[in-house]
Protein backbone atom coordinates (compact mmCIF):
# COMPACT_ATOMS: atom_id res chain seq x y z
CA MET A 1 157.72 78.69 230.97
CA ASP A 2 154.97 77.06 228.87
CA ILE A 3 154.13 74.63 231.67
CA GLU A 4 153.64 77.52 234.10
CA ASN A 5 151.25 79.27 231.70
CA GLU A 6 149.39 76.00 231.23
CA ILE A 7 149.05 75.54 235.01
CA LEU A 8 147.75 79.10 235.48
CA LYS A 9 145.31 78.61 232.59
CA LYS A 10 143.96 75.43 234.22
CA LEU A 11 143.71 77.11 237.65
CA ASN A 12 141.85 80.08 236.19
CA ALA A 13 139.47 77.76 234.33
CA ILE A 14 138.14 76.35 237.62
CA THR A 15 134.70 77.84 238.32
CA ASP A 16 133.72 79.53 241.59
CA LYS A 17 131.37 76.64 242.35
CA GLU A 18 134.20 74.13 241.84
CA TRP A 19 136.51 76.23 244.03
CA ASN A 20 133.91 76.20 246.81
CA GLU A 21 133.81 72.40 246.67
CA ILE A 22 137.63 72.20 246.55
CA VAL A 23 137.99 74.53 249.56
CA ASP A 24 135.34 72.53 251.49
CA LYS A 25 137.18 69.26 250.80
CA LEU A 26 140.54 70.79 251.70
CA THR A 27 139.15 72.32 254.91
CA THR A 28 137.78 68.93 255.98
CA TYR A 29 141.15 67.33 255.17
CA VAL A 30 143.08 69.94 257.18
CA HIS A 31 140.70 69.56 260.16
CA PHE A 32 141.35 65.82 260.06
CA LYS A 33 145.15 66.22 259.83
CA LEU A 34 145.27 68.76 262.68
CA LYS A 35 142.93 66.96 265.07
CA GLY A 36 144.29 67.42 268.57
CA ARG A 37 147.45 69.21 267.39
CA THR A 38 146.47 72.88 267.56
CA LEU A 39 146.68 73.58 271.29
CA PHE A 40 150.45 73.98 271.46
CA GLY A 41 153.41 73.77 269.14
CA ALA A 42 153.95 74.15 265.43
CA HIS A 43 150.29 74.08 264.41
CA SER A 44 148.90 76.28 267.18
CA GLU A 45 147.16 79.56 266.51
CA GLN A 46 149.72 81.17 268.78
CA ASN A 47 152.60 79.97 266.58
CA LEU A 48 150.94 80.60 263.21
CA GLY A 49 149.28 83.90 264.16
CA VAL A 50 145.92 82.87 262.69
CA ASN A 51 143.44 80.01 262.85
CA PRO A 52 145.49 76.93 261.86
CA VAL A 53 142.87 75.53 259.45
CA ASP A 54 142.47 78.87 257.66
CA TYR A 55 146.25 79.23 257.51
CA TYR A 56 146.91 75.87 255.84
CA VAL A 57 143.97 76.14 253.41
CA SER A 58 144.80 79.65 252.21
CA GLU A 59 148.58 79.09 252.13
CA ALA A 60 148.23 75.89 250.08
CA ILE A 61 146.03 77.64 247.50
CA GLY A 62 148.41 80.62 247.47
CA LYS A 63 151.42 78.36 246.84
CA LEU A 64 149.59 76.82 243.88
CA PHE A 65 148.73 80.19 242.27
CA SER A 66 152.19 81.66 242.93
CA LEU A 67 153.65 78.54 241.25
CA GLU A 68 155.81 77.93 244.31
CA TRP A 69 154.24 74.48 243.97
CA LYS A 70 153.56 73.40 240.42
CA TRP A 71 150.27 71.56 239.96
CA GLN A 72 151.00 68.20 238.37
CA TYR A 73 147.56 68.21 236.74
CA GLU A 74 148.21 65.09 234.66
CA LYS A 75 149.03 63.14 237.82
CA TYR A 76 146.76 64.62 240.53
CA PRO A 77 143.30 66.20 240.66
CA ILE A 78 143.44 69.69 242.17
CA HIS A 79 142.21 68.64 245.64
CA GLU A 80 144.89 65.91 245.88
CA GLN A 81 147.60 68.35 244.82
CA LEU A 82 146.43 70.77 247.53
CA GLN A 83 146.46 67.96 250.11
CA ARG A 84 150.06 67.15 249.13
CA ILE A 85 150.99 70.82 249.61
CA VAL A 86 149.31 70.87 253.05
CA GLY A 87 151.14 67.67 254.04
CA SER A 88 154.46 69.21 253.07
CA MET A 89 153.64 72.46 254.93
CA LEU A 90 152.70 70.52 258.08
CA SER A 91 156.04 68.69 258.06
CA SER A 92 157.96 71.83 257.23
CA ASN A 93 156.32 73.82 260.06
CA VAL A 94 157.12 71.08 262.57
CA GLU A 95 160.79 71.17 261.48
CA LYS A 96 160.89 74.98 261.67
CA PHE A 97 159.26 74.92 265.09
CA LYS A 98 161.75 72.34 266.38
CA ALA A 99 164.65 74.38 265.02
CA LYS A 100 163.29 77.55 266.57
CA LYS A 101 162.82 75.75 269.88
CA ASP A 102 166.35 74.39 269.83
CA ASN A 103 168.30 77.30 268.41
CA ILE A 104 166.96 80.59 269.71
CA ALA A 105 166.04 82.03 273.05
CA LEU A 106 162.34 81.39 273.48
CA MET A 107 159.75 84.03 274.12
CA LYS A 108 158.23 83.74 277.59
CA ASP A 109 154.89 82.41 276.27
CA GLU A 110 156.61 79.60 274.40
CA LYS A 111 158.73 78.54 277.37
CA LEU A 112 155.83 76.83 279.11
CA ILE A 113 154.80 74.98 275.95
CA VAL A 114 158.34 73.79 275.34
CA LEU A 115 158.72 72.88 278.98
CA ALA A 116 155.49 70.88 278.94
CA GLU A 117 156.59 69.04 275.80
CA LYS A 118 160.09 68.38 277.14
CA GLU A 119 158.81 67.14 280.48
CA SER A 120 156.24 64.79 278.95
CA ASP A 121 158.71 63.57 276.30
CA ASP A 122 161.38 63.12 278.94
CA ASN A 123 160.77 59.65 280.30
CA THR A 124 161.99 60.56 283.76
CA ASN A 125 159.07 60.77 286.14
CA GLU A 126 161.00 63.20 288.31
CA ASN A 127 161.00 66.00 285.70
CA TYR A 128 157.35 65.43 284.88
CA GLU A 129 156.45 65.54 288.56
CA ILE A 130 158.38 68.80 289.02
CA PHE A 131 156.47 70.32 286.12
CA LYS A 132 153.10 69.06 287.43
CA GLU A 133 153.94 70.35 290.90
CA ALA A 134 154.83 73.74 289.40
CA LEU A 135 151.46 73.89 287.62
CA GLU A 136 149.60 73.04 290.81
CA GLU A 137 151.66 75.40 292.98
CA CYS A 138 151.25 78.30 290.55
CA SER A 139 147.50 77.88 290.20
CA LYS A 140 146.47 77.16 293.82
CA ASP A 141 145.47 80.76 294.60
CA ASP A 142 143.49 81.29 291.38
CA GLU A 143 140.33 79.33 290.59
CA GLU A 144 140.46 80.14 286.86
CA LEU A 145 144.05 78.94 286.62
CA GLN A 146 143.08 75.73 288.44
CA LEU A 147 140.40 75.15 285.80
CA TYR A 148 142.94 75.94 283.08
CA VAL A 149 145.39 73.35 284.50
CA MET A 150 142.65 70.70 284.67
CA ALA A 151 141.62 71.46 281.06
CA LEU A 152 145.27 71.32 280.00
CA ASP A 153 145.33 67.74 281.23
CA GLU A 154 141.96 66.68 279.84
CA CYS A 155 141.60 68.42 276.47
CA ASN A 156 143.24 67.62 273.14
CA SER A 157 142.98 71.07 271.57
CA PHE A 158 142.61 74.76 272.32
CA ASP A 159 139.10 74.71 270.80
CA GLU A 160 138.14 71.83 273.09
CA MET A 161 139.38 73.85 276.09
CA VAL A 162 137.20 76.78 274.97
CA VAL A 163 134.15 74.48 274.93
CA VAL A 164 134.96 72.64 278.16
CA LEU A 165 135.78 75.77 280.18
CA GLY A 166 133.23 78.05 278.56
CA PHE A 167 135.87 80.81 278.21
CA ASP A 168 136.46 82.66 274.95
CA LYS A 169 139.83 82.31 273.22
CA LYS A 170 141.01 85.74 274.34
CA LYS A 171 140.47 84.84 278.00
CA LEU A 172 142.13 81.45 277.49
CA TYR A 173 145.19 83.12 275.93
CA ALA A 174 145.33 85.53 278.89
CA LEU A 175 145.23 82.57 281.32
CA GLN A 176 147.91 80.80 279.31
CA LYS A 177 150.20 83.85 279.49
CA LYS A 178 149.57 84.29 283.21
CA MET A 179 150.27 80.60 283.88
CA THR A 180 153.42 80.68 281.73
CA ARG A 181 154.85 83.64 283.65
CA ARG A 182 154.11 82.02 287.00
CA VAL A 183 155.54 78.60 286.11
CA ILE A 184 158.72 80.05 284.59
CA THR A 185 159.30 82.25 287.62
CA HIS A 186 158.56 79.33 289.96
CA LEU A 187 160.94 76.95 288.15
CA GLU A 188 163.69 79.56 287.84
CA THR A 189 163.41 80.35 291.58
CA LYS A 190 163.52 76.65 292.40
CA LYS A 191 166.59 76.19 290.17
CA ALA A 192 168.33 79.14 291.88
CA LEU A 193 167.62 77.61 295.31
CA VAL A 194 169.01 74.21 294.21
CA LYS A 195 172.28 75.72 292.90
C-alpha cells in the first residue's frame, strides 16, 4: 500500500506546466504509433467511439492515476511509463478487436471493414477481385461513393480521406455506412445465386 501512496504523491507533485509537456510528448508519440492505422479496425474512431489519439492519451493517464498501471518511477521517467502503457493498450485493443471479429456476429458497419481486411489478407486474387468488383458495382450509380472507393484505395487514414475528398467526417461516415450496406447486400445476393 505504501508504494501506491508514493506513486500518487509523485503524480500529484507534477506541475501543470510539466503535465502539458508530458501530454504533448505523449500525443506526438501516439500520432506516430497510429500513423495510417486509424481508418479501419482496432484503432479506428468507429471502433473506439472517440478520436483515437485522444483515447490513448487520456486512457493511459487515467490508468496511471487509477493505479491500474503502477508507475515504476525508479526505472522510467513519466513519459516513458505512459508510452509503455499506450503500447500495451494498442496490442490489447488489436487482440480484443480480432476476438470480437472472430467470435461474435458483426454489426453491419463492421462487416465491410472485416471483409476488406479478409480479402486483402487472403492471398487468393479471386476473393480480392470479387471484393473490388463489389465495390465498383455498388458505387457505379453514385458519384460520391465512387470518390469514396477511390479514396479507400489511395489513402492511409480516415483523416487523409477527409483532406483528399474535402468531405467532413460525418459525411464520410455516412458514405461508409451506405457503401457497407450496398456491398453486404450485393455479396449476399451473389452468394445466394451461386448456391
